[in-house]
């Protein structure tokens, strides 16, 4: 009989604070507003607003132009510019220990600069880079996806993040008038003020564990031998046409995906044709338990190197659905497929329905011999009107 779980969250004994320092961005937070502190509200004098919009237009027209904020702003010493290849080392210098050592930016920076739908904006102070924010336009031009926010350690808590976010919003509004909302993913708990500002789109539990690739491969081989005599339905690996049909299926969106949203490695997308085409072009391993009426759909993004330790890779698995057995089978298949050529330390971040968290934690640690990195936490996809 299939093990289907309800809405209850994991037991409280799994929930505890992470050991990350408060001065660092929470592990995995892609919007990261909380990680950089609050600021006083900006002045709204008409003259300042005109100067601000002119600065936005300058950046849009001249990618290397440095733009100063209006003098009435408390951060009038900040300048903004589009990021360039030569800024990479300076960006790395302000990114140490961010996301608990699982920073994805070093492996994606070049691709981000080449993405025609993305803007990567730097904030400078006295000529030095002190903050970065990226905005990617998705959902067929309707949504601004906020990613990659980071602020230099010595500048955190001074309101730099809020000013940079506002500047990026103005740029998006100038260049993409069709964008109406901004969306981000985060892993720090939502407080009352957050819930007033944002609409919660989706929530997943975060299971973070690590293993040695060579040992896991041997364990998977042993486990395959042990299960060889057991009749089991193998997961179905989805090709382009099958995946496109499933993702644009209203029943799948309603029954499996939270609010009709698919999340791939922290990036949330509505199920629109343009988004589906974008996802099909990415290096992602897609699986389901059935091609016609799936109860579980999962995807594993290509592993990438992270700064946590020399040669360490990060692996991301997003799982949608609440039936335990196909979830476990797809986890095994993803790990086998994605780690066959890896060596050394691998950290896996798995996103799944909160009620499944404890069962999968026991499965990964007990059955697979992995080591739990942190206790229960949650990933939130939130959205707000672009202002």
Protein backbone atom coordinates (compact mmCIF):
# COMPACT_ATOMS: atom_id res chain seq x y z
CA UNK A 1 0.00 0.00 0.00
CA UNK A 2 1.38 3.40 -0.96
CA UNK A 3 2.54 5.55 1.93
CA UNK A 4 0.88 8.94 1.40
CA UNK A 5 1.62 11.71 3.88
CA UNK A 6 -0.60 14.56 4.92
CA UNK A 7 0.03 18.20 5.79
CA UNK A 8 1.69 17.84 9.21
CA UNK A 9 5.20 19.18 9.59
CA UNK A 10 8.09 17.01 10.86
CA UNK A 11 8.43 16.44 14.64
CA UNK A 12 9.79 19.37 16.58
CA UNK A 13 12.92 17.46 17.65
CA UNK A 14 14.22 17.83 14.09
CA UNK A 15 13.81 21.59 14.14
CA UNK A 16 16.70 23.63 15.48
CA UNK A 17 18.71 26.68 14.64
CA UNK A 18 21.53 26.37 12.16
CA UNK A 19 25.05 27.18 13.29
CA UNK A 20 25.57 29.90 10.70
CA UNK A 21 26.69 33.23 12.07
CA UNK A 22 24.09 35.96 12.02
CA UNK A 23 26.39 38.12 9.92
CA UNK A 24 26.26 35.60 7.11
CA UNK A 25 23.46 35.05 4.63
CA UNK A 26 21.33 32.03 5.53
CA UNK A 27 22.23 28.86 3.63
CA UNK A 28 20.65 28.89 0.22
CA UNK A 29 18.74 32.15 0.52
CA UNK A 30 18.41 33.51 -3.00
CA UNK A 31 16.60 36.74 -2.24
CA UNK A 32 18.37 37.26 1.04
CA UNK A 33 16.84 40.52 2.22
CA UNK A 34 17.08 39.41 5.83
CA UNK A 35 20.79 38.68 5.55
CA UNK A 36 21.80 42.29 5.05
CA UNK A 37 19.74 44.17 7.58
CA UNK A 38 17.07 46.85 7.34
CA UNK A 39 17.21 50.54 6.40
CA UNK A 40 15.24 53.69 6.89
CA UNK A 41 12.72 54.55 4.20
CA UNK A 42 14.12 56.46 1.26
CA UNK A 43 13.14 60.07 0.68
CA UNK A 44 10.49 60.58 -1.97
CA UNK A 45 11.10 64.11 -3.12
CA UNK A 46 10.16 64.58 -6.78
CA UNK A 47 13.58 65.92 -7.65
CA UNK A 48 15.26 62.83 -6.19
CA UNK A 49 12.93 60.53 -8.08
CA UNK A 50 13.74 62.25 -11.38
CA UNK A 51 17.47 61.94 -10.68
CA UNK A 52 17.03 58.29 -9.72
CA UNK A 53 15.20 57.44 -12.96
CA UNK A 54 17.83 59.28 -15.00
CA UNK A 55 20.49 57.16 -13.32
CA UNK A 56 18.59 54.02 -14.23
CA UNK A 57 18.42 55.07 -17.88
CA UNK A 58 22.18 55.78 -17.85
CA UNK A 59 22.94 52.26 -16.65
CA UNK A 60 20.58 50.77 -19.25
CA UNK A 61 22.27 52.73 -22.02
CA UNK A 62 25.91 52.44 -20.91
CA UNK A 63 26.71 49.18 -19.15
CA UNK A 64 29.98 50.50 -17.72
CA UNK A 65 28.58 53.78 -16.45
CA UNK A 66 28.83 54.39 -12.71
CA UNK A 67 25.71 56.10 -11.38
CA UNK A 68 25.53 58.05 -8.14
CA UNK A 69 22.39 58.15 -6.05
CA UNK A 70 20.53 61.42 -5.46
CA UNK A 71 22.17 63.53 -2.79
CA UNK A 72 19.05 63.42 -0.60
CA UNK A 73 19.48 59.66 -0.19
CA UNK A 74 21.31 58.43 2.95
CA UNK A 75 23.44 56.23 0.65
CA UNK A 76 24.55 59.02 -1.69
CA UNK A 77 28.09 57.59 -1.63
CA UNK A 78 26.96 54.47 -3.51
CA UNK A 79 27.41 53.97 -7.24
CA UNK A 80 25.83 51.31 -9.45
CA UNK A 81 27.08 49.59 -12.60
CA UNK A 82 26.43 46.51 -14.70
CA UNK A 83 28.75 43.64 -13.71
CA UNK A 84 31.52 42.62 -16.10
CA UNK A 85 33.99 39.73 -16.36
CA UNK A 86 36.77 41.77 -14.78
CA UNK A 87 34.69 42.22 -11.60
CA UNK A 88 34.72 38.48 -10.82
CA UNK A 89 37.61 38.40 -8.31
CA UNK A 90 36.30 41.42 -6.43
CA UNK A 91 32.86 39.80 -6.21
CA UNK A 92 34.41 36.62 -4.81
CA UNK A 93 36.17 38.67 -2.13
CA UNK A 94 32.82 39.85 -0.69
CA UNK A 95 31.23 36.38 -0.98
CA UNK A 96 33.32 34.36 1.46
CA UNK A 97 31.27 31.88 3.55
CA UNK A 98 28.01 33.00 1.93
CA UNK A 99 25.26 30.35 1.77
CA UNK A 100 27.22 28.19 4.19
CA UNK A 101 29.93 27.54 1.62
CA UNK A 102 27.45 26.40 -1.07
CA UNK A 103 27.65 29.57 -3.15
CA UNK A 104 26.56 28.84 -6.73
CA UNK A 105 27.67 32.17 -8.22
CA UNK A 106 31.30 31.23 -9.02
CA UNK A 107 30.07 28.45 -11.34
CA UNK A 108 27.35 30.55 -12.99
CA UNK A 109 28.74 34.07 -13.18
CA UNK A 110 29.86 33.81 -16.81
CA UNK A 111 26.52 32.39 -17.95
CA UNK A 112 24.66 35.11 -16.05
CA UNK A 113 26.58 37.83 -17.88
CA UNK A 114 25.62 36.26 -21.22
CA UNK A 115 21.91 35.86 -20.39
CA UNK A 116 19.93 38.46 -22.39
CA UNK A 117 17.06 38.34 -19.88
CA UNK A 118 19.24 38.94 -16.83
CA UNK A 119 20.83 41.98 -15.24
CA UNK A 120 23.67 41.68 -12.73
CA UNK A 121 24.12 44.95 -10.86
CA UNK A 122 26.99 45.95 -8.58
CA UNK A 123 26.98 48.56 -5.83
CA UNK A 124 30.29 50.33 -5.27
CA UNK A 125 31.55 52.51 -2.47
CA UNK A 126 34.65 54.59 -3.06
CA UNK A 127 35.21 52.53 -6.20
CA UNK A 128 35.14 49.15 -4.45
CA UNK A 129 32.42 46.51 -4.99
CA UNK A 130 30.39 46.09 -1.80
CA UNK A 131 27.20 44.38 -3.07
CA UNK A 132 25.69 42.42 -5.94
CA UNK A 133 22.14 41.68 -7.02
CA UNK A 134 20.86 39.78 -10.07
CA UNK A 135 17.40 40.05 -11.62
CA UNK A 136 16.15 37.68 -14.32
CA UNK A 137 12.91 38.29 -16.22
CA UNK A 138 10.81 35.10 -16.48
CA UNK A 139 7.18 34.02 -16.89
CA UNK A 140 6.99 35.38 -20.45
CA UNK A 141 8.03 38.85 -19.26
CA UNK A 142 5.65 39.05 -16.30
CA UNK A 143 7.98 38.38 -13.35
CA UNK A 144 11.36 39.57 -12.07
CA UNK A 145 13.25 36.75 -10.36
CA UNK A 146 15.57 38.18 -7.70
CA UNK A 147 18.74 36.16 -7.07
CA UNK A 148 22.30 36.22 -5.81
CA UNK A 149 22.08 39.09 -3.33
CA UNK A 150 25.27 39.54 -1.33
CA UNK A 151 26.78 42.40 0.65
CA UNK A 152 30.37 42.76 1.87
CA UNK A 153 30.65 41.74 5.56
CA UNK A 154 31.69 45.20 6.73
CA UNK A 155 28.66 46.79 5.01
CA UNK A 156 25.93 44.45 6.28
CA UNK A 157 23.23 45.90 8.47
CA UNK A 158 23.56 49.37 6.93
CA UNK A 159 20.69 49.19 4.45
CA UNK A 160 22.80 48.62 1.34
CA UNK A 161 20.71 45.63 0.27
CA UNK A 162 17.45 47.56 0.40
CA UNK A 163 18.86 50.42 -1.70
CA UNK A 164 20.32 48.01 -4.24
CA UNK A 165 17.01 46.13 -4.51
CA UNK A 166 15.15 49.36 -5.09
CA UNK A 167 17.59 50.44 -7.77
CA UNK A 168 17.25 47.07 -9.54
CA UNK A 169 13.46 47.34 -9.39
CA UNK A 170 13.63 50.73 -11.10
CA UNK A 171 15.83 49.27 -13.81
CA UNK A 172 13.45 46.39 -14.43
CA UNK A 173 10.46 48.74 -14.63
CA UNK A 174 12.29 50.93 -17.15
CA UNK A 175 13.45 48.10 -19.38
CA UNK A 176 10.54 45.63 -18.97
CA UNK A 177 7.26 47.55 -18.49
CA UNK A 178 5.31 44.26 -18.61
CA UNK A 179 6.86 43.03 -15.34
CA UNK A 180 4.38 43.42 -12.51
CA UNK A 181 5.77 41.27 -9.67
CA UNK A 182 9.07 40.23 -8.17
CA UNK A 183 9.68 36.70 -6.90
CA UNK A 184 12.40 35.15 -4.78
CA UNK A 185 13.21 32.03 -2.78
CA UNK A 186 14.54 32.14 0.76
CA UNK A 187 15.17 29.82 3.68
CA UNK A 188 14.91 32.21 6.61
CA UNK A 189 11.55 32.01 8.45
CA UNK A 190 8.83 34.42 7.39
CA UNK A 191 7.80 36.87 10.09
CA UNK A 192 4.59 38.91 10.34
CA UNK A 193 6.09 41.82 8.40
CA UNK A 194 7.24 39.47 5.65
CA UNK A 195 3.74 38.03 5.33
CA UNK A 196 2.36 41.56 4.97
CA UNK A 197 4.84 42.32 2.19
CA UNK A 198 4.90 38.99 0.35
CA UNK A 199 2.46 36.39 -0.88
CA UNK A 200 3.60 32.84 -0.07
CA UNK A 201 3.59 30.81 -3.31
CA UNK A 202 5.18 27.53 -2.22
CA UNK A 203 6.90 25.89 0.75
CA UNK A 204 9.22 22.88 0.74
CA UNK A 205 11.28 21.19 3.42
CA UNK A 206 15.08 21.35 2.96
CA UNK A 207 17.02 18.14 3.58
CA UNK A 208 20.77 18.82 3.51
CA UNK A 209 23.16 15.87 3.70
CA UNK A 210 26.63 14.96 2.49
CA UNK A 211 28.54 11.88 1.41
CA UNK A 212 31.69 10.64 -0.27
CA UNK A 213 30.87 9.88 -3.90
CA UNK A 214 32.90 6.65 -4.02
CA UNK A 215 31.26 5.24 -0.89
CA UNK A 216 27.78 6.17 -2.08
CA UNK A 217 28.30 4.42 -5.42
CA UNK A 218 29.32 1.25 -3.61
CA UNK A 219 26.33 1.49 -1.30
CA UNK A 220 23.98 1.99 -4.24
CA UNK A 221 25.46 -1.06 -5.95
CA UNK A 222 25.00 -3.13 -2.80
CA UNK A 223 21.48 -1.84 -2.38
CA UNK A 224 20.67 -2.70 -5.99
CA UNK A 225 21.75 -6.28 -5.35
CA UNK A 226 19.66 -6.47 -2.20
CA UNK A 227 16.58 -5.17 -4.04
CA UNK A 228 17.17 -7.24 -7.15
CA UNK A 229 14.72 -9.93 -6.11
CA UNK A 230 12.02 -7.45 -5.08
CA UNK A 231 9.38 -6.46 -7.63
CA UNK A 232 9.51 -2.66 -7.86
CA UNK A 233 8.27 -0.11 -10.37
CA UNK A 234 11.29 1.76 -11.69
CA UNK A 235 11.05 5.54 -12.15
CA UNK A 236 10.47 6.83 -15.66
CA UNK A 237 13.14 9.18 -17.02
CA UNK A 238 11.35 11.91 -18.97
CA UNK A 239 12.42 13.05 -22.42
CA UNK A 240 11.59 16.48 -23.86
CA UNK A 241 8.20 15.71 -25.40
CA UNK A 242 6.98 13.73 -22.38
CA UNK A 243 8.15 16.41 -19.98
CA UNK A 244 6.56 19.24 -21.95
CA UNK A 245 3.24 17.39 -22.00
CA UNK A 246 3.34 16.77 -18.24
CA UNK A 247 4.35 20.29 -17.24
CA UNK A 248 1.59 21.85 -19.32
CA UNK A 249 -1.00 19.37 -18.00
CA UNK A 250 -3.51 21.14 -15.73
CA UNK A 251 -4.09 18.00 -13.63
CA UNK A 252 -0.37 17.67 -12.85
CA UNK A 253 -0.14 21.35 -11.97
CA UNK A 254 -3.14 21.07 -9.67
CA UNK A 255 -2.38 17.74 -7.99
CA UNK A 256 1.42 17.79 -7.60
CA UNK A 257 2.93 21.23 -8.03
CA UNK A 258 2.36 23.92 -5.36
CA UNK A 259 0.30 26.74 -6.86
CA UNK A 260 1.21 25.50 -10.32
CA UNK A 261 4.87 26.39 -9.71
CA UNK A 262 7.89 24.27 -10.62
CA UNK A 263 11.12 25.03 -8.74
CA UNK A 264 14.45 24.08 -10.32
CA UNK A 265 17.47 24.62 -8.09
CA UNK A 266 15.91 27.55 -6.18
CA UNK A 267 14.42 29.11 -9.33
CA UNK A 268 10.59 29.13 -9.32
CA UNK A 269 8.69 29.17 -12.61
CA UNK A 270 5.03 29.28 -13.52
CA UNK A 271 3.97 26.58 -15.94
CA UNK A 272 3.98 28.72 -19.06
CA UNK A 273 5.20 27.59 -22.50
CA UNK A 274 8.16 30.01 -22.46
CA UNK A 275 9.34 28.74 -19.08
CA UNK A 276 8.96 25.11 -20.12
CA UNK A 277 11.09 25.71 -23.21
CA UNK A 278 13.73 27.34 -21.02
CA UNK A 279 13.76 24.37 -18.64
CA UNK A 280 14.04 21.89 -21.50
CA UNK A 281 17.32 23.52 -22.56
CA UNK A 282 18.94 23.03 -19.16
CA UNK A 283 21.07 20.13 -17.97
CA UNK A 284 18.43 18.57 -15.73
CA UNK A 285 17.48 14.94 -15.06
CA UNK A 286 13.66 14.63 -14.91
CA UNK A 287 11.75 11.65 -13.50
CA UNK A 288 8.20 10.58 -12.67
CA UNK A 289 6.54 7.43 -11.41
CA UNK A 290 4.11 7.40 -14.33
CA UNK A 291 4.07 9.21 -17.68
CA UNK A 292 0.30 9.60 -17.80
CA UNK A 293 -0.86 10.22 -14.21
CA UNK A 294 2.19 10.76 -12.01
CA UNK A 295 1.95 11.07 -8.25
CA UNK A 296 5.61 12.15 -7.91
CA UNK A 297 7.67 14.36 -10.24
CA UNK A 298 11.33 15.11 -9.53
CA UNK A 299 14.31 16.82 -11.11
CA UNK A 300 18.01 16.78 -10.39
CA UNK A 301 20.20 19.65 -11.58
CA UNK A 302 23.76 19.11 -12.75
CA UNK A 303 26.30 19.09 -9.87
CA UNK A 304 28.55 22.12 -9.56
CA UNK A 305 31.69 22.99 -7.62
CA UNK A 306 31.26 25.05 -4.45
CA UNK A 307 33.75 26.88 -2.20
CA UNK A 308 32.95 24.75 0.88
CA UNK A 309 36.09 22.65 0.41
CA UNK A 310 38.52 21.79 -2.38
CA UNK A 311 36.79 19.71 -5.04
CA UNK A 312 33.44 19.70 -3.24
CA UNK A 313 30.33 19.48 -5.43
CA UNK A 314 26.76 20.48 -4.68
CA UNK A 315 23.83 18.46 -5.99
CA UNK A 316 20.24 19.75 -6.00
CA UNK A 317 17.16 17.51 -6.14
CA UNK A 318 13.66 19.02 -6.24
CA UNK A 319 10.81 16.61 -5.48
CA UNK A 320 7.07 17.22 -5.89
CA UNK A 321 4.52 14.76 -4.52
CA UNK A 322 3.81 13.05 -1.20
CA UNK A 323 3.89 9.30 -1.92
CA UNK A 324 6.90 7.86 -0.10
CA UNK A 325 7.85 4.82 -2.18
CA UNK A 326 8.20 6.55 -5.58
CA UNK A 327 10.01 9.43 -3.87
CA UNK A 328 12.62 7.02 -2.47
CA UNK A 329 12.99 5.25 -5.82
CA UNK A 330 13.52 8.53 -7.66
CA UNK A 331 16.08 9.70 -5.08
CA UNK A 332 18.08 6.50 -5.64
CA UNK A 333 17.88 6.87 -9.41
CA UNK A 334 18.92 10.55 -9.31
CA UNK A 335 21.89 9.85 -7.03
CA UNK A 336 23.03 6.95 -9.20
CA UNK A 337 22.76 8.98 -12.40
CA UNK A 338 24.32 12.20 -11.06
CA UNK A 339 27.28 10.88 -9.06
CA UNK A 340 28.69 8.25 -11.41
CA UNK A 341 31.59 10.51 -12.45
CA UNK A 342 32.07 12.47 -9.20
CA UNK A 343 34.79 11.92 -6.63
CA UNK A 344 35.24 13.13 -3.08
CA UNK A 345 32.84 15.22 -1.02
CA UNK A 346 29.33 15.91 -2.27
CA UNK A 347 26.68 17.97 -0.51
CA UNK A 348 23.10 17.29 -1.59
CA UNK A 349 20.31 19.75 -1.01
CA UNK A 350 16.94 18.08 -1.43
CA UNK A 351 13.63 19.94 -1.46
CA UNK A 352 10.50 17.98 -0.68
CA UNK A 353 7.08 18.08 0.99
CA UNK A 354 7.61 18.87 4.71
CA UNK A 355 5.86 15.69 5.96
CA UNK A 356 8.40 13.58 4.05
CA UNK A 357 11.44 15.20 5.62
CA UNK A 358 12.02 12.91 8.61
CA UNK A 359 11.40 9.73 6.62
CA UNK A 360 13.82 10.78 3.89
CA UNK A 361 16.40 11.93 6.45
CA UNK A 362 16.32 8.46 8.02
CA UNK A 363 16.47 6.85 4.58
CA UNK A 364 19.46 8.89 3.39
CA UNK A 365 21.43 8.56 6.63
CA UNK A 366 20.41 5.04 7.66
CA UNK A 367 20.06 3.26 4.33
CA UNK A 368 22.55 5.21 2.21
CA UNK A 369 25.10 6.05 4.91
CA UNK A 370 24.99 9.80 4.28
CA UNK A 371 25.59 12.38 7.02
CA UNK A 372 22.99 15.00 7.93
CA UNK A 373 24.43 18.52 7.66
CA UNK A 374 21.66 20.43 9.42
CA UNK A 375 18.25 19.92 10.94
CA UNK A 376 14.88 20.68 9.44
CA UNK A 377 14.48 23.99 7.60
CA UNK A 378 12.18 25.27 4.89
CA UNK A 379 12.39 26.86 1.48
CA UNK A 380 9.85 29.61 0.74
CA UNK A 381 8.86 30.95 -2.66
CA UNK A 382 7.41 34.42 -2.17
CA UNK A 383 6.10 37.11 -4.47
CA UNK A 384 5.29 40.82 -4.21
CA UNK A 385 4.15 43.61 -6.47
CA UNK A 386 7.05 45.37 -8.17
CA UNK A 387 7.23 48.86 -6.68
